[in-house]
Amino acid sequence: MTAIPALPAPRSNPQLPDYIQNDAKLREAAQKLEASFLSEMLKSAGLGAPREAFGGGAGEEHFSSFLREAQANEMVKAGGIGLAQSLFEAMKVQSNA
C-alpha cells in the first residue's frame, strides 16, 4: 500500500496594499452603478414588459426585474458601455485628492 504524503498547511491570504484594495472597491462600486444604469435603460427599452397575450401576471412583472439586472450585470462583465471605467477614474481622482 502506498502512503499518501500529508498536505502542507494552507497558506494565509496575502494582504494586498491599501491602494490595490481601494482600487478594487472603487472598480466594484463603479461596475455596480453601471449595471444599475443599464438595468434602467433596459427597462425603458421595454425589456421584460408584460405581454398582452398569455402573460405571466403579476409574478412576471416582479421577476422581469431580476432578468434585467442579470442581463445588465452580464453586459458590465463583457465590457459594458464604458461608464464604469469613467466612473472609476473619476472616483480614483477624488479619493487621491
C-alpha atoms as a PDB file:
ATOM      1  CA  MET A   1       0.000   0.000   0.000  1.00  0.00           C
ATOM      2  CA  THR A   2       1.350   3.426  -0.935  1.00  0.00           C
ATOM      3  CA  ALA A   3       1.368   6.123   1.714  1.00  0.00           C
ATOM      4  CA  ILE A   4      -0.077   9.480   0.737  1.00  0.00           C
ATOM      5  CA  PRO A   5       2.122  12.329   1.919  1.00  0.00           C
ATOM      6  CA  ALA A   6       0.478  14.875   4.196  1.00  0.00           C
ATOM      7  CA  LEU A   7      -0.511  18.118   2.525  1.00  0.00           C
ATOM      8  CA  PRO A   8       1.203  21.272   3.721  1.00  0.00           C
ATOM      9  CA  ALA A   9      -0.817  23.698   5.815  1.00  0.00           C
ATOM     10  CA  PRO A  10      -2.805  26.153   3.718  1.00  0.00           C
ATOM     11  CA  ARG A  11      -1.181  29.491   3.181  1.00  0.00           C
ATOM     12  CA  SER A  12      -2.883  32.570   4.518  1.00  0.00           C
ATOM     13  CA  ASN A  13      -4.239  35.045   2.019  1.00  0.00           C
ATOM     14  CA  PRO A  14      -1.621  37.670   1.268  1.00  0.00           C
ATOM     15  CA  GLN A  15      -2.566  41.128   2.415  1.00  0.00           C
ATOM     16  CA  LEU A  16      -2.746  43.417  -0.590  1.00  0.00           C
ATOM     17  CA  PRO A  17      -1.549  47.006  -0.292  1.00  0.00           C
ATOM     18  CA  ASP A  18      -4.242  49.541   0.603  1.00  0.00           C
ATOM     19  CA  TYR A  19      -4.125  51.278  -2.765  1.00  0.00           C
ATOM     20  CA  ILE A  20      -4.895  47.995  -4.558  1.00  0.00           C
ATOM     21  CA  GLN A  21      -7.728  47.166  -2.168  1.00  0.00           C
ATOM     22  CA  ASN A  22      -9.157  50.666  -2.594  1.00  0.00           C
ATOM     23  CA  ASP A  23      -8.943  50.380  -6.387  1.00  0.00           C
ATOM     24  CA  ALA A  24     -10.822  47.081  -6.295  1.00  0.00           C
ATOM     25  CA  LYS A  25     -13.553  48.595  -4.127  1.00  0.00           C
ATOM     26  CA  LEU A  26     -13.846  51.642  -6.374  1.00  0.00           C
ATOM     27  CA  ARG A  27     -13.988  49.480  -9.506  1.00  0.00           C
ATOM     28  CA  GLU A  28     -16.677  47.267  -7.970  1.00  0.00           C
ATOM     29  CA  ALA A  29     -18.746  50.318  -6.986  1.00  0.00           C
ATOM     30  CA  ALA A  30     -18.390  51.766 -10.492  1.00  0.00           C
ATOM     31  CA  GLN A  31     -19.454  48.474 -12.071  1.00  0.00           C
ATOM     32  CA  LYS A  32     -22.495  48.228  -9.793  1.00  0.00           C
ATOM     33  CA  LEU A  33     -23.508  51.753 -10.757  1.00  0.00           C
ATOM     34  CA  GLU A  34     -23.112  50.977 -14.465  1.00  0.00           C
ATOM     35  CA  ALA A  35     -25.179  47.799 -14.022  1.00  0.00           C
ATOM     36  CA  SER A  36     -27.946  49.790 -12.316  1.00  0.00           C
ATOM     37  CA  PHE A  37     -27.874  52.336 -15.125  1.00  0.00           C
ATOM     38  CA  LEU A  38     -28.027  49.632 -17.790  1.00  0.00           C
ATOM     39  CA  SER A  39     -30.869  47.895 -15.965  1.00  0.00           C
ATOM     40  CA  GLU A  40     -32.901  51.095 -16.031  1.00  0.00           C
ATOM     41  CA  MET A  41     -32.073  51.595 -19.720  1.00  0.00           C
ATOM     42  CA  LEU A  42     -33.249  48.053 -20.490  1.00  0.00           C
ATOM     43  CA  LYS A  43     -36.437  48.758 -18.550  1.00  0.00           C
ATOM     44  CA  SER A  44     -37.028  51.932 -20.560  1.00  0.00           C
ATOM     45  CA  ALA A  45     -36.416  49.974 -23.753  1.00  0.00           C
ATOM     46  CA  GLY A  46     -39.249  47.634 -22.786  1.00  0.00           C
ATOM     47  CA  LEU A  47     -37.238  44.544 -21.929  1.00  0.00           C
ATOM     48  CA  GLY A  48     -39.299  42.372 -19.610  1.00  0.00           C
ATOM     49  CA  ALA A  49     -42.521  44.275 -20.217  1.00  0.00           C
ATOM     50  CA  PRO A  50     -45.595  42.097 -19.657  1.00  0.00           C
ATOM     51  CA  ARG A  51     -47.017  40.582 -22.815  1.00  0.00           C
ATOM     52  CA  GLU A  52     -50.622  41.197 -23.741  1.00  0.00           C
ATOM     53  CA  ALA A  53     -51.452  37.590 -24.609  1.00  0.00           C
ATOM     54  CA  PHE A  54     -50.504  34.637 -22.406  1.00  0.00           C
ATOM     55  CA  GLY A  55     -48.719  36.852 -19.911  1.00  0.00           C
ATOM     56  CA  GLY A  56     -47.466  35.603 -16.588  1.00  0.00           C
ATOM     57  CA  GLY A  57     -49.487  38.013 -14.485  1.00  0.00           C
ATOM     58  CA  ALA A  58     -48.107  39.934 -11.535  1.00  0.00           C
ATOM     59  CA  GLY A  59     -45.313  37.405 -10.984  1.00  0.00           C
ATOM     60  CA  GLU A  60     -43.916  38.014 -14.444  1.00  0.00           C
ATOM     61  CA  GLU A  61     -43.688  41.721 -13.773  1.00  0.00           C
ATOM     62  CA  HIS A  62     -41.816  41.187 -10.498  1.00  0.00           C
ATOM     63  CA  PHE A  63     -39.387  38.590 -11.826  1.00  0.00           C
ATOM     64  CA  SER A  64     -38.640  40.521 -15.016  1.00  0.00           C
ATOM     65  CA  SER A  65     -36.650  42.981 -12.891  1.00  0.00           C
ATOM     66  CA  PHE A  66     -34.352  40.105 -11.857  1.00  0.00           C
ATOM     67  CA  LEU A  67     -33.859  39.244 -15.528  1.00  0.00           C
ATOM     68  CA  ARG A  68     -32.980  42.846 -16.382  1.00  0.00           C
ATOM     69  CA  GLU A  69     -30.494  43.050 -13.500  1.00  0.00           C
ATOM     70  CA  ALA A  70     -28.836  39.780 -14.511  1.00  0.00           C
ATOM     71  CA  GLN A  71     -28.560  40.906 -18.124  1.00  0.00           C
ATOM     72  CA  ALA A  72     -27.154  44.289 -17.062  1.00  0.00           C
ATOM     73  CA  ASN A  73     -24.553  42.572 -14.853  1.00  0.00           C
ATOM     74  CA  GLU A  74     -23.511  40.327 -17.743  1.00  0.00           C
ATOM     75  CA  MET A  75     -23.241  43.372 -20.014  1.00  0.00           C
ATOM     76  CA  VAL A  76     -20.900  45.023 -17.493  1.00  0.00           C
ATOM     77  CA  LYS A  77     -18.797  41.849 -17.222  1.00  0.00           C
ATOM     78  CA  ALA A  78     -18.479  41.841 -21.013  1.00  0.00           C
ATOM     79  CA  GLY A  79     -17.154  45.402 -21.020  1.00  0.00           C
ATOM     80  CA  GLY A  80     -20.335  47.416 -20.733  1.00  0.00           C
ATOM     81  CA  ILE A  81     -20.584  50.805 -22.360  1.00  0.00           C
ATOM     82  CA  GLY A  82     -17.502  52.302 -20.707  1.00  0.00           C
ATOM     83  CA  LEU A  83     -19.407  54.076 -17.963  1.00  0.00           C
ATOM     84  CA  ALA A  84     -17.798  52.008 -15.182  1.00  0.00           C
ATOM     85  CA  GLN A  85     -14.291  52.914 -16.368  1.00  0.00           C
ATOM     86  CA  SER A  86     -15.135  56.624 -16.483  1.00  0.00           C
ATOM     87  CA  LEU A  87     -16.723  56.475 -13.035  1.00  0.00           C
ATOM     88  CA  PHE A  88     -13.760  54.507 -11.644  1.00  0.00           C
ATOM     89  CA  GLU A  89     -11.262  57.060 -12.939  1.00  0.00           C
ATOM     90  CA  ALA A  90     -13.301  59.974 -11.564  1.00  0.00           C
ATOM     91  CA  MET A  91     -13.704  58.334  -8.158  1.00  0.00           C
ATOM     92  CA  LYS A  92      -9.997  57.480  -8.055  1.00  0.00           C
ATOM     93  CA  VAL A  93      -9.072  61.099  -8.683  1.00  0.00           C
ATOM     94  CA  GLN A  94     -11.461  62.179  -5.917  1.00  0.00           C
ATOM     95  CA  SER A  95     -10.098  59.618  -3.447  1.00  0.00           C
ATOM     96  CA  ASN A  96      -6.490  60.631  -4.145  1.00  0.00           C
ATOM     97  CA  ALA A  97      -7.226  64.330  -3.689  1.00  0.00           C
END
